[in-house]
């Protein structure tokens, strides 16, 4: 009997290009995961359109706007994740720190992608264009993207995989952003797919 695919929730705050890539990859019949819900701390982010386009439920969780000291967000998120019977969480441009309660509940089952070769250019406040600006200002010859597990600190979880790109001379920050996005859109679904396969042996 064929096993059910691993149930994944995407958590995103922005446009959702990586969310779109994860969803497209999941349409492959050999994919080990399925995206069952997109959750956001924003009411109308770009990822909402991505979810609607693919007939995937979108859940706005306003309590996630609260500070980490206020556990309303953690409780609301727990209820959502339980309602959708989520196995794994994939962060996709989700900028808030995940609460310790959720990290404990989903130990080693929360993944994130970062637009640099971690541990370089990670940490609080380092995301998107800010990362690429820092990379270019330091005259790096290469950069890339990294997929890592999520813990209590920004971008410090175990790295599951990365992909490198060469930075061309006179590369602009927008050009670098586009190149890294293309790498991310290939790397993230592949890493998530392989990681989710590990759960079959425990099911």
Protein backbone atom coordinates (compact mmCIF):
# COMPACT_ATOMS: atom_id res chain seq x y z
CA UNK A 1 0.00 0.00 0.00
CA UNK A 2 1.41 3.41 -0.97
CA UNK A 3 2.21 5.68 1.96
CA UNK A 4 0.57 9.07 2.30
CA UNK A 5 2.81 11.97 1.48
CA UNK A 6 4.26 14.12 4.25
CA UNK A 7 1.93 17.00 5.05
CA UNK A 8 3.73 20.33 4.80
CA UNK A 9 2.64 23.82 5.82
CA UNK A 10 4.32 26.79 4.18
CA UNK A 11 4.75 29.85 6.39
CA UNK A 12 5.44 33.04 4.43
CA UNK A 13 5.29 36.80 4.83
CA UNK A 14 5.95 38.01 1.31
CA UNK A 15 5.65 37.37 -2.40
CA UNK A 16 6.02 33.60 -2.31
CA UNK A 17 8.42 32.69 -5.12
CA UNK A 18 9.89 29.83 -3.11
CA UNK A 19 6.40 28.80 -2.02
CA UNK A 20 5.44 28.60 -5.67
CA UNK A 21 8.48 26.43 -6.41
CA UNK A 22 7.68 24.09 -3.52
CA UNK A 23 4.08 23.75 -4.71
CA UNK A 24 5.05 23.10 -8.33
CA UNK A 25 7.52 20.42 -7.28
CA UNK A 26 4.86 18.74 -5.14
CA UNK A 27 2.76 18.12 -8.26
CA UNK A 28 5.27 15.44 -9.29
CA UNK A 29 3.70 12.09 -8.45
CA UNK A 30 7.03 10.88 -7.02
CA UNK A 31 7.28 13.82 -4.61
CA UNK A 32 7.43 12.79 -0.94
CA UNK A 33 5.46 15.80 0.34
CA UNK A 34 2.26 17.72 -0.29
CA UNK A 35 1.54 21.35 0.57
CA UNK A 36 -1.72 21.38 2.50
CA UNK A 37 -1.85 25.01 3.73
CA UNK A 38 -0.09 28.37 3.45
CA UNK A 39 0.04 30.39 6.68
CA UNK A 40 0.99 34.05 7.02
CA UNK A 41 1.29 36.79 9.59
CA UNK A 42 0.18 39.21 6.84
CA UNK A 43 -3.40 39.55 5.69
CA UNK A 44 -2.80 39.88 1.96
CA UNK A 45 0.75 38.82 1.01
CA UNK A 46 1.79 37.64 -2.43
CA UNK A 47 1.83 34.06 -1.22
CA UNK A 48 -1.94 34.29 -0.77
CA UNK A 49 -2.31 34.62 -4.55
CA UNK A 50 0.06 31.69 -5.04
CA UNK A 51 -2.07 29.57 -2.70
CA UNK A 52 -5.34 30.60 -4.35
CA UNK A 53 -3.94 29.87 -7.80
CA UNK A 54 -3.10 26.33 -6.71
CA UNK A 55 -6.32 25.73 -4.73
CA UNK A 56 -4.40 25.49 -1.45
CA UNK A 57 -5.99 26.90 1.73
CA UNK A 58 -4.55 30.20 2.93
CA UNK A 59 -4.68 31.05 6.62
CA UNK A 60 -4.05 34.54 7.96
CA UNK A 61 -2.96 34.31 11.58
CA UNK A 62 -3.10 37.86 13.01
CA UNK A 63 -1.93 36.72 16.44
CA UNK A 64 1.49 36.07 14.89
CA UNK A 65 1.94 39.84 14.75
CA UNK A 66 2.27 39.88 18.52
CA UNK A 67 5.65 39.86 20.25
CA UNK A 68 7.21 36.54 21.13
CA UNK A 69 6.56 37.21 24.81
CA UNK A 70 2.83 37.17 24.04
CA UNK A 71 2.02 33.49 23.49
CA UNK A 72 -1.25 34.16 21.63
CA UNK A 73 0.55 33.73 18.32
CA UNK A 74 2.10 30.45 19.39
CA UNK A 75 -1.24 29.07 20.58
CA UNK A 76 -3.07 30.15 17.40
CA UNK A 77 -0.36 28.63 15.23
CA UNK A 78 -0.38 25.37 17.18
CA UNK A 79 -4.13 25.07 16.66
CA UNK A 80 -3.78 25.69 12.93
CA UNK A 81 -0.98 23.16 12.53
CA UNK A 82 -2.93 20.57 14.47
CA UNK A 83 -6.10 21.23 12.48
CA UNK A 84 -4.26 20.56 9.22
CA UNK A 85 -2.37 17.58 10.69
CA UNK A 86 0.97 19.09 9.69
CA UNK A 87 4.12 16.95 9.74
CA UNK A 88 6.70 19.49 8.53
CA UNK A 89 6.86 23.30 8.27
CA UNK A 90 8.65 25.04 5.39
CA UNK A 91 9.43 28.72 5.98
CA UNK A 92 9.45 30.81 2.81
CA UNK A 93 10.32 34.43 3.40
CA UNK A 94 8.81 34.29 6.89
CA UNK A 95 10.63 37.00 8.83
CA UNK A 96 9.46 36.50 12.42
CA UNK A 97 11.30 34.29 14.88
CA UNK A 98 9.51 30.99 15.49
CA UNK A 99 8.47 30.58 19.12
CA UNK A 100 10.24 28.02 21.34
CA UNK A 101 6.93 26.20 21.81
CA UNK A 102 6.55 25.57 18.08
CA UNK A 103 10.22 24.62 17.71
CA UNK A 104 9.81 22.08 20.51
CA UNK A 105 6.57 20.77 19.01
CA UNK A 106 8.22 20.39 15.57
CA UNK A 107 11.76 19.50 16.62
CA UNK A 108 13.89 19.03 13.46
CA UNK A 109 10.77 19.43 11.33
CA UNK A 110 10.99 23.13 10.45
CA UNK A 111 13.03 24.09 7.40
CA UNK A 112 14.04 27.48 6.07
CA UNK A 113 15.95 28.80 3.08
CA UNK A 114 18.42 31.68 3.31
CA UNK A 115 19.92 33.68 0.40
CA UNK A 116 23.59 33.20 1.30
CA UNK A 117 26.12 30.49 2.02
CA UNK A 118 25.50 30.12 5.72
CA UNK A 119 26.96 30.75 8.24
CA UNK A 120 27.99 33.84 6.28
CA UNK A 121 25.48 36.71 6.17
CA UNK A 122 22.91 35.16 8.47
CA UNK A 123 21.28 36.44 11.63
CA UNK A 124 18.63 38.92 12.71
CA UNK A 125 17.85 41.55 10.08
CA UNK A 126 19.70 39.72 7.32
CA UNK A 127 17.20 38.85 4.61
CA UNK A 128 16.56 39.52 0.92
CA UNK A 129 18.28 42.52 -0.62
CA UNK A 130 20.07 43.28 2.66
CA UNK A 131 22.03 40.05 2.31
CA UNK A 132 22.94 40.70 -1.32
CA UNK A 133 24.06 44.25 -0.56
CA UNK A 134 26.36 42.95 2.16
CA UNK A 135 27.77 40.26 -0.13
CA UNK A 136 28.56 42.80 -2.86
CA UNK A 137 29.98 45.38 -0.43
CA UNK A 138 32.44 42.75 0.80
CA UNK A 139 33.52 42.03 -2.81
CA UNK A 140 32.73 38.33 -2.58
CA UNK A 141 33.42 36.21 -5.64
CA UNK A 142 30.66 33.73 -4.87
CA UNK A 143 27.42 33.42 -2.94
CA UNK A 144 24.42 31.14 -3.05
CA UNK A 145 21.58 29.76 -0.97
CA UNK A 146 21.33 27.45 2.04
CA UNK A 147 18.53 25.31 3.46
CA UNK A 148 18.71 24.75 7.19
CA UNK A 149 16.71 23.48 10.13
CA UNK A 150 15.18 26.14 12.35
CA UNK A 151 16.08 26.60 16.00
CA UNK A 152 15.65 29.40 18.54
CA UNK A 153 18.15 31.70 16.77
CA UNK A 154 18.02 33.22 13.29
CA UNK A 155 19.80 31.08 10.67
CA UNK A 156 21.80 29.00 13.16
CA UNK A 157 20.15 25.60 12.69
CA UNK A 158 21.88 22.64 11.05
CA UNK A 159 22.53 23.20 7.34
CA UNK A 160 20.88 20.56 5.15
CA UNK A 161 22.27 21.71 1.82
CA UNK A 162 23.50 24.66 -0.19
CA UNK A 163 24.12 25.75 -3.75
CA UNK A 164 26.83 28.16 -4.94
CA UNK A 165 26.89 30.71 -7.72
CA UNK A 166 29.73 32.82 -9.09
CA UNK A 167 29.30 36.59 -8.84
CA UNK A 168 30.09 38.26 -12.14
CA UNK A 169 32.05 41.48 -12.25
CA UNK A 170 29.83 44.59 -12.04
CA UNK A 171 26.86 42.47 -10.93
CA UNK A 172 24.08 44.68 -9.53
CA UNK A 173 22.16 43.84 -6.39
CA UNK A 174 18.99 43.20 -8.43
CA UNK A 175 20.84 40.88 -10.81
CA UNK A 176 22.29 39.00 -7.87
CA UNK A 177 18.87 38.73 -6.27
CA UNK A 178 17.45 37.16 -9.44
CA UNK A 179 20.34 34.70 -9.75
CA UNK A 180 20.02 33.60 -6.14
CA UNK A 181 16.24 33.25 -6.46
CA UNK A 182 16.68 30.85 -9.39
CA UNK A 183 19.05 28.76 -7.29
CA UNK A 184 16.68 28.81 -4.32
CA UNK A 185 13.74 27.66 -6.44
CA UNK A 186 15.68 24.53 -7.43
CA UNK A 187 17.46 23.84 -4.15
CA UNK A 188 14.58 24.18 -1.68
CA UNK A 189 12.11 21.70 -3.23
CA UNK A 190 14.89 19.15 -3.71
CA UNK A 191 16.09 19.40 -0.10
CA UNK A 192 12.55 19.34 1.30
CA UNK A 193 11.67 16.33 -0.83
CA UNK A 194 14.72 14.36 0.31
CA UNK A 195 14.24 15.38 3.93
CA UNK A 196 10.60 14.31 3.96
CA UNK A 197 11.56 10.89 2.60
CA UNK A 198 13.26 10.21 5.94
CA UNK A 199 9.91 10.28 7.71
CA UNK A 200 8.59 7.28 5.76
CA UNK A 201 10.74 4.91 7.81
CA UNK A 202 9.12 6.23 10.99
CA UNK A 203 5.51 6.10 9.79
